Amino acid sequence: MWFLSKIRYSVQDSLGKFKAISEQFVHDAISYGDVEAQLAEVLKGRVDDYTYDLSKIRFDSVYEPHVKGAFFKVQYEEKTTTEAGVEKVTVKSHLVVAQDVPDAEKKASEYMKNWITDWTIIGADKTKILGVWHPLNQDWKDDFIARMADLAAAGNETGEPAPTTIFNADGTAKKIAFGDDDLIDEEHAQIGSYADARAEVDAMTPTSGFTIGDDSALADTLKSTLDEFGASEVSVTAEKNGKVTAKATMKKSAKGKLTFQSALGKE
């Protein structure tokens, strides 16, 4: 029996922004509980926190694993004759891995060419399905694992956001630069270690400002980041010396601390 799972989760980029991700999979299972157990197994290590919807789905055939491409739903009419001599037409569907619609229809025609019943392909549509989990078929399992690795490589996985990059391997502060322009002034860049950075965050006043060089595009990015993490009264101003200063009023909270770290550490 085939089931369709639809999962939803969020991923965080290097600036701390969250993006909603939705994925669909087909499962060979005996019950909804079986599908839930399969999801926990196949998503482990890639997606840790997700919501899901499950439903039954009808495919008369699913093919082929180890073929690069997307999943297409190919519909066809099958004509049969009852014992009473009455002709019966039934619309059925196959799930086919293919490069495009013509390729999907071609593969379906090849798959059904030796059938004794009469059939006519109606058409094919690309689906949002990203993988088929068939626990008793090693070929499909291997295909699914490879597709999940591709999704992870594309960034579709949950986890910690990218670490800050203002410190060298020995713990000393490094100069953060964008081309030849300094992004963070000496006063805030030369902190020394992560522990010292946290100490400065803890001691900071509710209203803090910092100079980030003369790249206005970067200033806009930083402003967006501060907004994302809960800062209020964010402003970006240009000074006469050509430098751009970003100022934010931040609450004394975990969010405020994360905002200040983002300003220091995100490239």
Protein backbone atom coordinates (compact mmCIF):
# COMPACT_ATOMS: atom_id res chain seq x y z
CA MET A 1 0.00 0.00 0.00
CA TRP A 2 1.35 3.42 -0.93
CA PHE A 3 1.23 6.43 1.37
CA LEU A 4 2.15 10.07 0.75
CA SER A 5 3.91 12.07 3.46
CA LYS A 6 4.22 15.86 3.41
CA ILE A 7 6.71 17.30 5.87
CA ARG A 8 7.44 20.92 6.81
CA TYR A 9 10.42 22.36 8.62
CA SER A 10 12.60 25.47 8.75
CA VAL A 11 16.27 26.03 7.98
CA GLN A 12 18.40 28.94 9.16
CA ASP A 13 20.88 30.69 6.91
CA SER A 14 24.20 32.31 7.86
CA LEU A 15 22.45 35.60 8.64
CA GLY A 16 20.02 33.94 11.00
CA LYS A 17 16.99 34.15 8.74
CA PHE A 18 14.57 31.21 8.67
CA LYS A 19 13.18 29.69 5.48
CA ALA A 20 10.23 27.29 5.37
CA ILE A 21 10.85 24.01 3.53
CA SER A 22 8.19 21.55 2.35
CA GLU A 23 8.97 18.05 1.06
CA GLN A 24 6.87 15.08 -0.14
CA PHE A 25 7.72 11.38 -0.10
CA VAL A 26 6.02 8.13 -1.07
CA HIS A 27 6.16 5.17 1.31
CA ASP A 28 5.40 1.49 0.92
CA ALA A 29 3.77 0.76 4.28
CA ILE A 30 0.96 -1.13 5.97
CA SER A 31 -0.44 1.66 8.17
CA TYR A 32 -0.12 5.33 9.11
CA GLY A 33 1.86 4.30 12.19
CA ASP A 34 4.27 2.46 9.93
CA VAL A 35 4.76 5.63 7.86
CA GLU A 36 5.43 7.68 10.99
CA ALA A 37 8.13 5.21 12.03
CA GLN A 38 9.62 5.32 8.54
CA LEU A 39 9.78 9.12 8.60
CA ALA A 40 11.65 9.10 11.90
CA GLU A 41 14.13 6.62 10.41
CA VAL A 42 14.74 8.20 7.01
CA LEU A 43 14.90 11.83 8.22
CA LYS A 44 17.22 11.16 11.15
CA GLY A 45 20.39 13.19 10.86
CA ARG A 46 19.00 15.53 8.20
CA VAL A 47 15.74 16.89 9.61
CA ASP A 48 15.23 16.83 13.37
CA ASP A 49 12.18 19.04 13.94
CA TYR A 50 9.28 18.80 11.49
CA THR A 51 5.51 18.60 11.15
CA TYR A 52 3.78 16.23 8.74
CA ASP A 53 0.57 15.17 7.03
CA LEU A 54 -0.09 11.62 5.83
CA SER A 55 -2.53 10.26 3.28
CA LYS A 56 -3.05 7.18 1.16
CA ILE A 57 -2.15 7.46 -2.50
CA ARG A 58 -2.89 5.15 -5.42
CA PHE A 59 -0.18 4.10 -7.86
CA ASP A 60 -0.52 0.84 -9.74
CA SER A 61 3.22 0.77 -10.41
CA VAL A 62 6.28 2.76 -9.30
CA TYR A 63 9.54 2.70 -11.30
CA GLU A 64 12.59 2.94 -11.63
CA PRO A 65 15.20 3.40 -8.86
CA HIS A 66 18.77 4.53 -9.61
CA VAL A 67 17.57 6.76 -12.44
CA LYS A 68 18.35 10.47 -12.29
CA GLY A 69 15.33 12.68 -12.64
CA ALA A 70 12.10 13.84 -11.06
CA PHE A 71 8.95 11.84 -10.27
CA PHE A 72 6.12 12.02 -12.81
CA LYS A 73 2.54 10.80 -12.48
CA VAL A 74 1.60 9.08 -15.71
CA GLN A 75 -2.13 8.45 -16.21
CA TYR A 76 -3.53 5.96 -18.68
CA GLU A 77 -6.82 4.33 -19.63
CA GLU A 78 -6.98 0.56 -19.46
CA LYS A 79 -9.74 -1.29 -21.34
CA THR A 80 -10.93 -4.66 -20.12
CA THR A 81 -13.92 -6.86 -20.92
CA THR A 82 -16.08 -8.42 -18.24
CA GLU A 83 -17.34 -12.03 -18.39
CA ALA A 84 -20.64 -10.61 -19.61
CA GLY A 85 -18.86 -9.06 -22.57
CA VAL A 86 -19.15 -5.50 -21.31
CA GLU A 87 -16.17 -3.26 -22.04
CA LYS A 88 -14.83 -1.43 -19.00
CA VAL A 89 -12.48 1.56 -19.06
CA THR A 90 -10.43 2.31 -15.94
CA VAL A 91 -8.11 5.28 -15.39
CA LYS A 92 -4.92 4.28 -13.55
CA SER A 93 -1.65 5.92 -12.59
CA HIS A 94 2.04 5.06 -12.50
CA LEU A 95 4.78 6.96 -10.69
CA VAL A 96 7.76 7.18 -13.02
CA VAL A 97 11.24 8.65 -12.59
CA ALA A 98 12.08 10.61 -15.74
CA GLN A 99 13.76 13.72 -17.11
CA ASP A 100 10.62 15.33 -18.49
CA VAL A 101 7.05 14.61 -19.64
CA PRO A 102 7.99 12.96 -22.97
CA ASP A 103 10.55 10.79 -21.20
CA ALA A 104 7.98 9.75 -18.59
CA GLU A 105 5.42 8.80 -21.23
CA LYS A 106 8.07 6.90 -23.18
CA LYS A 107 9.11 4.92 -20.12
CA ALA A 108 5.49 4.11 -19.26
CA SER A 109 4.90 2.90 -22.83
CA GLU A 110 7.98 0.70 -22.62
CA TYR A 111 6.86 -0.66 -19.25
CA MET A 112 3.38 -1.63 -20.54
CA LYS A 113 4.22 -2.69 -24.11
CA ASN A 114 3.71 -6.42 -23.52
CA TRP A 115 0.46 -6.15 -21.60
CA ILE A 116 -2.43 -8.14 -22.98
CA THR A 117 -4.96 -5.43 -22.12
CA ASP A 118 -5.54 -2.37 -24.24
CA TRP A 119 -4.21 0.85 -22.77
CA THR A 120 -3.83 4.47 -23.83
CA ILE A 121 -1.65 7.04 -22.08
CA ILE A 122 -3.65 10.16 -21.19
CA GLY A 123 -0.75 12.32 -20.07
CA ALA A 124 1.97 12.93 -17.48
CA ASP A 125 2.56 15.59 -14.83
CA LYS A 126 5.63 16.36 -12.77
CA THR A 127 4.98 15.86 -9.06
CA LYS A 128 6.53 17.39 -5.93
CA ILE A 129 7.58 13.95 -4.72
CA LEU A 130 11.28 13.82 -3.81
CA GLY A 131 11.77 10.15 -2.99
CA VAL A 132 10.24 6.70 -2.58
CA TRP A 133 10.93 4.69 0.56
CA HIS A 134 10.40 0.97 0.02
CA PRO A 135 11.76 -0.78 3.14
CA LEU A 136 11.83 -4.23 1.50
CA ASN A 137 13.51 -3.14 -1.72
CA GLN A 138 17.21 -2.35 -1.40
CA ASP A 139 17.37 -0.59 -4.77
CA TRP A 140 14.70 1.88 -3.73
CA LYS A 141 16.30 2.33 -0.30
CA ASP A 142 19.66 3.14 -1.91
CA ASP A 143 17.96 5.53 -4.33
CA PHE A 144 16.20 7.30 -1.46
CA ILE A 145 19.41 7.64 0.56
CA ALA A 146 21.21 9.17 -2.43
CA ARG A 147 18.39 11.66 -2.97
CA MET A 148 18.44 12.66 0.71
CA ALA A 149 22.18 13.27 0.47
CA ASP A 150 21.53 15.57 -2.50
CA LEU A 151 18.91 17.49 -0.49
CA ALA A 152 21.31 17.88 2.44
CA ALA A 153 24.05 19.12 0.10
CA ALA A 154 21.60 21.71 -1.23
CA GLY A 155 21.00 23.01 2.31
CA ASN A 156 17.75 21.20 3.08
CA GLU A 157 18.68 20.10 6.56
CA THR A 158 18.09 21.42 10.04
CA GLY A 159 20.88 22.18 12.47
CA GLU A 160 22.83 24.98 14.02
CA PRO A 161 23.37 28.15 11.97
CA ALA A 162 26.79 28.80 10.53
CA PRO A 163 29.31 29.60 13.29
CA THR A 164 30.81 33.05 13.69
CA THR A 165 34.02 33.71 11.82
CA ILE A 166 35.72 36.59 13.65
CA PHE A 167 38.19 34.38 15.49
CA ASN A 168 41.26 32.51 14.31
CA ALA A 169 41.89 28.86 15.18
CA ASP A 170 44.03 29.93 18.18
CA GLY A 171 41.18 32.03 19.60
CA THR A 172 42.59 35.45 18.69
CA ALA A 173 40.45 37.97 16.81
CA LYS A 174 41.00 38.28 13.10
CA LYS A 175 40.42 41.22 10.82
CA ILE A 176 37.13 40.80 8.97
CA ALA A 177 37.32 42.34 5.52
CA PHE A 178 35.20 42.73 2.43
CA GLY A 179 37.65 43.39 -0.36
CA ASP A 180 39.76 46.30 0.90
CA ASP A 181 37.06 47.70 3.19
CA ASP A 182 36.95 47.01 6.90
CA LEU A 183 33.58 45.66 7.98
CA ILE A 184 34.02 46.11 11.71
CA ASP A 185 36.14 48.80 13.33
CA GLU A 186 39.18 48.04 15.48
CA GLU A 187 37.41 48.80 18.74
CA HIS A 188 34.97 45.92 18.30
CA ALA A 189 37.02 43.54 16.17
CA GLN A 190 39.96 43.24 18.58
CA ILE A 191 38.12 41.37 21.30
CA GLY A 192 40.53 38.49 21.73
CA SER A 193 38.40 35.39 22.30
CA TYR A 194 34.84 34.12 22.28
CA ALA A 195 34.69 34.36 26.07
CA ASP A 196 35.75 38.00 25.92
CA ALA A 197 33.12 38.64 23.25
CA ARG A 198 30.40 37.20 25.46
CA ALA A 199 31.65 39.28 28.39
CA GLU A 200 31.36 42.44 26.28
CA VAL A 201 27.86 41.41 25.20
CA ASP A 202 26.81 40.93 28.82
CA ALA A 203 28.18 44.34 29.76
CA MET A 204 26.76 46.27 26.84
CA THR A 205 24.26 49.04 27.38
CA PRO A 206 20.69 48.68 26.10
CA THR A 207 21.55 51.03 23.22
CA SER A 208 24.67 50.11 21.24
CA GLY A 209 26.23 51.32 18.03
CA PHE A 210 29.08 50.03 15.91
CA THR A 211 30.83 51.13 12.73
CA ILE A 212 30.96 48.59 9.90
CA GLY A 213 33.00 50.23 7.16
CA ASP A 214 31.83 52.05 4.05
CA ASP A 215 29.75 49.39 2.27
CA SER A 216 26.10 50.49 2.35
CA ALA A 217 24.90 47.13 0.94
CA LEU A 218 26.50 45.37 3.88
CA ALA A 219 24.87 47.85 6.25
CA ASP A 220 21.45 46.98 4.80
CA THR A 221 22.20 43.28 5.27
CA LEU A 222 23.21 43.90 8.87
CA LYS A 223 20.07 45.94 9.46
CA SER A 224 17.96 43.04 8.17
CA THR A 225 19.83 40.65 10.45
CA LEU A 226 19.26 42.85 13.51
CA ASP A 227 15.57 43.09 12.68
CA GLU A 228 15.36 39.30 12.37
CA PHE A 229 16.76 38.71 15.83
CA GLY A 230 14.46 41.10 17.63
CA ALA A 231 16.35 44.41 17.77
CA SER A 232 14.21 47.53 17.81
CA GLU A 233 14.81 51.07 16.49
CA VAL A 234 17.36 49.85 13.99
CA SER A 235 18.93 52.64 11.93
CA VAL A 236 21.69 52.90 9.35
CA THR A 237 23.36 56.29 8.85
CA ALA A 238 26.21 57.58 6.69
CA GLU A 239 28.86 59.78 8.29
CA LYS A 240 30.88 62.52 6.67
CA ASN A 241 34.00 60.35 6.60
CA GLY A 242 32.23 57.92 4.26
CA LYS A 243 31.73 55.20 6.86
CA VAL A 244 28.34 53.69 7.55
CA THR A 245 27.19 53.24 11.13
CA ALA A 246 24.49 50.80 12.16
CA LYS A 247 22.81 51.42 15.50
CA ALA A 248 20.24 49.30 17.27
CA THR A 249 18.36 49.41 20.55
CA MET A 250 18.47 45.89 21.92
CA LYS A 251 16.81 44.22 24.87
CA LYS A 252 18.95 42.56 27.51
CA SER A 253 17.97 39.06 26.41
CA ALA A 254 19.24 36.02 24.57
CA LYS A 255 17.94 37.55 21.36
CA GLY A 256 19.81 40.76 22.01
CA LYS A 257 23.02 38.85 22.64
CA LEU A 258 22.58 36.86 19.45
CA THR A 259 22.01 40.09 17.55
CA PHE A 260 25.28 41.54 18.77
CA GLN A 261 27.14 38.32 17.93
CA SER A 262 25.63 38.36 14.45
CA ALA A 263 26.85 41.92 13.96
CA LEU A 264 30.32 40.87 15.01
CA GLY A 265 30.58 37.51 13.41
CA LYS A 266 28.58 36.99 10.28
CA GLU A 267 30.32 37.57 6.98
